[in-house]
Amino acid sequence: MQSTGEILTKLAEIVDAGALKPLLDDQRFGLDTVGGAYDRLTSGQAIGKVVVDV
């Protein structure tokens, strides 16, 4: 079993190489529509993470 430090080092290398990209929902929200962001997330309509621009 690998130590946590070795795993985190390898993960950092993958992230630095740009090989790990977050899955973001197509729809973005502002602070004025944060309720809509919550509704989208809880309804199951979101594909990936819901982004709220600040």
N, C-alpha and C. Protein backbone atom coordinates (compact mmCIF):
# COMPACT_ATOMS: atom_id res chain seq x y z
N MET A 1 0.85 -1.18 0.00
CA MET A 1 0.00 0.00 0.00
C MET A 1 0.89 1.24 0.00
N GLN A 2 0.54 2.21 -0.85
CA GLN A 2 1.32 3.43 -0.93
C GLN A 2 1.00 4.36 0.24
N SER A 3 2.01 5.13 0.62
CA SER A 3 1.75 6.10 1.68
C SER A 3 0.95 7.27 1.12
N THR A 4 0.30 7.98 2.00
CA THR A 4 -0.52 9.12 1.58
C THR A 4 0.33 10.16 0.85
N GLY A 5 1.53 10.38 1.31
CA GLY A 5 2.42 11.36 0.68
C GLY A 5 2.74 11.00 -0.76
N GLU A 6 2.98 9.71 -1.01
CA GLU A 6 3.27 9.26 -2.37
C GLU A 6 2.06 9.45 -3.28
N ILE A 7 0.89 9.15 -2.76
CA ILE A 7 -0.34 9.29 -3.53
C ILE A 7 -0.58 10.76 -3.87
N LEU A 8 -0.41 11.64 -2.88
CA LEU A 8 -0.62 13.07 -3.11
C LEU A 8 0.41 13.64 -4.09
N THR A 9 1.64 13.15 -4.03
CA THR A 9 2.68 13.59 -4.97
C THR A 9 2.30 13.20 -6.39
N LYS A 10 1.86 11.97 -6.58
CA LYS A 10 1.45 11.52 -7.91
C LYS A 10 0.23 12.32 -8.39
N LEU A 11 -0.72 12.56 -7.52
CA LEU A 11 -1.90 13.35 -7.88
C LEU A 11 -1.50 14.76 -8.29
N ALA A 12 -0.57 15.37 -7.57
CA ALA A 12 -0.10 16.72 -7.92
C ALA A 12 0.54 16.72 -9.30
N GLU A 13 1.28 15.68 -9.64
CA GLU A 13 1.90 15.58 -10.96
C GLU A 13 0.82 15.51 -12.05
N ILE A 14 -0.22 14.75 -11.80
CA ILE A 14 -1.32 14.62 -12.77
C ILE A 14 -2.02 15.96 -12.96
N VAL A 15 -2.29 16.66 -11.87
CA VAL A 15 -2.95 17.97 -11.94
C VAL A 15 -2.06 18.97 -12.66
N ASP A 16 -0.78 19.00 -12.32
CA ASP A 16 0.15 19.93 -12.96
C ASP A 16 0.27 19.68 -14.46
N ALA A 17 0.13 18.44 -14.87
CA ALA A 17 0.21 18.09 -16.29
C ALA A 17 -1.07 18.46 -17.04
N GLY A 18 -2.10 18.87 -16.31
CA GLY A 18 -3.36 19.25 -16.94
C GLY A 18 -4.22 18.06 -17.33
N ALA A 19 -3.93 16.89 -16.79
CA ALA A 19 -4.66 15.68 -17.15
C ALA A 19 -5.92 15.47 -16.32
N LEU A 20 -6.11 16.28 -15.31
CA LEU A 20 -7.29 16.16 -14.46
C LEU A 20 -8.10 17.44 -14.59
N LYS A 21 -9.30 17.31 -15.13
CA LYS A 21 -10.14 18.49 -15.34
C LYS A 21 -11.49 18.26 -14.66
N PRO A 22 -11.98 19.27 -13.94
CA PRO A 22 -13.27 19.12 -13.28
C PRO A 22 -14.41 19.12 -14.29
N LEU A 23 -15.45 18.39 -13.98
CA LEU A 23 -16.65 18.38 -14.81
C LEU A 23 -17.57 19.47 -14.29
N LEU A 24 -17.80 20.50 -15.12
CA LEU A 24 -18.63 21.63 -14.72
C LEU A 24 -19.93 21.64 -15.50
N ASP A 25 -21.01 21.95 -14.82
CA ASP A 25 -22.31 22.09 -15.47
C ASP A 25 -22.25 23.24 -16.46
N ASP A 26 -23.00 23.14 -17.55
CA ASP A 26 -23.00 24.17 -18.59
C ASP A 26 -23.59 25.49 -18.11
N GLN A 27 -24.54 25.43 -17.20
CA GLN A 27 -25.22 26.64 -16.74
C GLN A 27 -24.45 27.25 -15.57
N ARG A 28 -24.20 28.56 -15.64
CA ARG A 28 -23.51 29.27 -14.56
C ARG A 28 -24.47 30.25 -13.90
N PHE A 29 -24.21 30.57 -12.66
CA PHE A 29 -25.09 31.43 -11.89
C PHE A 29 -24.28 32.56 -11.24
N GLY A 30 -24.95 33.66 -10.96
CA GLY A 30 -24.37 34.76 -10.21
C GLY A 30 -24.92 34.74 -8.80
N LEU A 31 -24.40 35.62 -7.97
CA LEU A 31 -24.88 35.67 -6.59
C LEU A 31 -26.36 36.01 -6.51
N ASP A 32 -26.84 36.76 -7.48
CA ASP A 32 -28.26 37.14 -7.46
C ASP A 32 -29.18 35.97 -7.82
N THR A 33 -28.62 34.90 -8.40
CA THR A 33 -29.43 33.73 -8.77
C THR A 33 -28.93 32.45 -8.09
N VAL A 34 -28.32 32.62 -6.92
CA VAL A 34 -27.76 31.46 -6.23
C VAL A 34 -28.84 30.44 -5.85
N GLY A 35 -30.06 30.92 -5.64
CA GLY A 35 -31.17 30.00 -5.35
C GLY A 35 -31.43 29.07 -6.53
N GLY A 36 -31.31 29.60 -7.73
CA GLY A 36 -31.46 28.78 -8.93
C GLY A 36 -30.36 27.73 -9.05
N ALA A 37 -29.16 28.11 -8.62
CA ALA A 37 -28.04 27.16 -8.63
C ALA A 37 -28.32 26.01 -7.67
N TYR A 38 -28.84 26.34 -6.50
CA TYR A 38 -29.17 25.31 -5.52
C TYR A 38 -30.28 24.40 -6.05
N ASP A 39 -31.29 25.00 -6.66
CA ASP A 39 -32.39 24.22 -7.22
C ASP A 39 -31.89 23.26 -8.31
N ARG A 40 -31.00 23.75 -9.16
CA ARG A 40 -30.45 22.91 -10.24
C ARG A 40 -29.66 21.75 -9.65
N LEU A 41 -28.89 22.03 -8.63
CA LEU A 41 -28.08 20.99 -8.00
C LEU A 41 -28.95 19.92 -7.33
N THR A 42 -29.93 20.36 -6.57
CA THR A 42 -30.74 19.41 -5.82
C THR A 42 -31.76 18.67 -6.68
N SER A 43 -32.07 19.22 -7.86
CA SER A 43 -33.05 18.56 -8.74
C SER A 43 -32.43 17.42 -9.52
N GLY A 44 -31.10 17.37 -9.54
CA GLY A 44 -30.42 16.32 -10.31
C GLY A 44 -30.20 16.69 -11.77
N GLN A 45 -30.56 17.91 -12.16
CA GLN A 45 -30.38 18.36 -13.54
C GLN A 45 -28.93 18.69 -13.85
N ALA A 46 -28.16 19.05 -12.84
CA ALA A 46 -26.76 19.46 -13.07
C ALA A 46 -25.91 18.27 -13.47
N ILE A 47 -25.06 18.51 -14.45
CA ILE A 47 -24.06 17.52 -14.85
C ILE A 47 -22.71 18.07 -14.38
N GLY A 48 -22.19 17.54 -13.31
CA GLY A 48 -20.93 18.05 -12.74
C GLY A 48 -21.20 19.08 -11.67
N LYS A 49 -20.19 19.90 -11.44
CA LYS A 49 -20.28 20.92 -10.40
C LYS A 49 -21.02 22.14 -10.90
N VAL A 50 -21.79 22.76 -10.03
CA VAL A 50 -22.52 23.98 -10.36
C VAL A 50 -21.64 25.16 -9.96
N VAL A 51 -21.46 26.11 -10.88
CA VAL A 51 -20.59 27.25 -10.67
C VAL A 51 -21.42 28.49 -10.33
N VAL A 52 -21.02 29.17 -9.25
CA VAL A 52 -21.62 30.45 -8.88
C VAL A 52 -20.50 31.48 -8.98
N ASP A 53 -20.64 32.41 -9.93
CA ASP A 53 -19.64 33.47 -10.10
C ASP A 53 -19.83 34.54 -9.04
N VAL A 54 -18.75 34.95 -8.42
CA VAL A 54 -18.82 35.97 -7.38
C VAL A 54 -18.24 37.27 -7.87
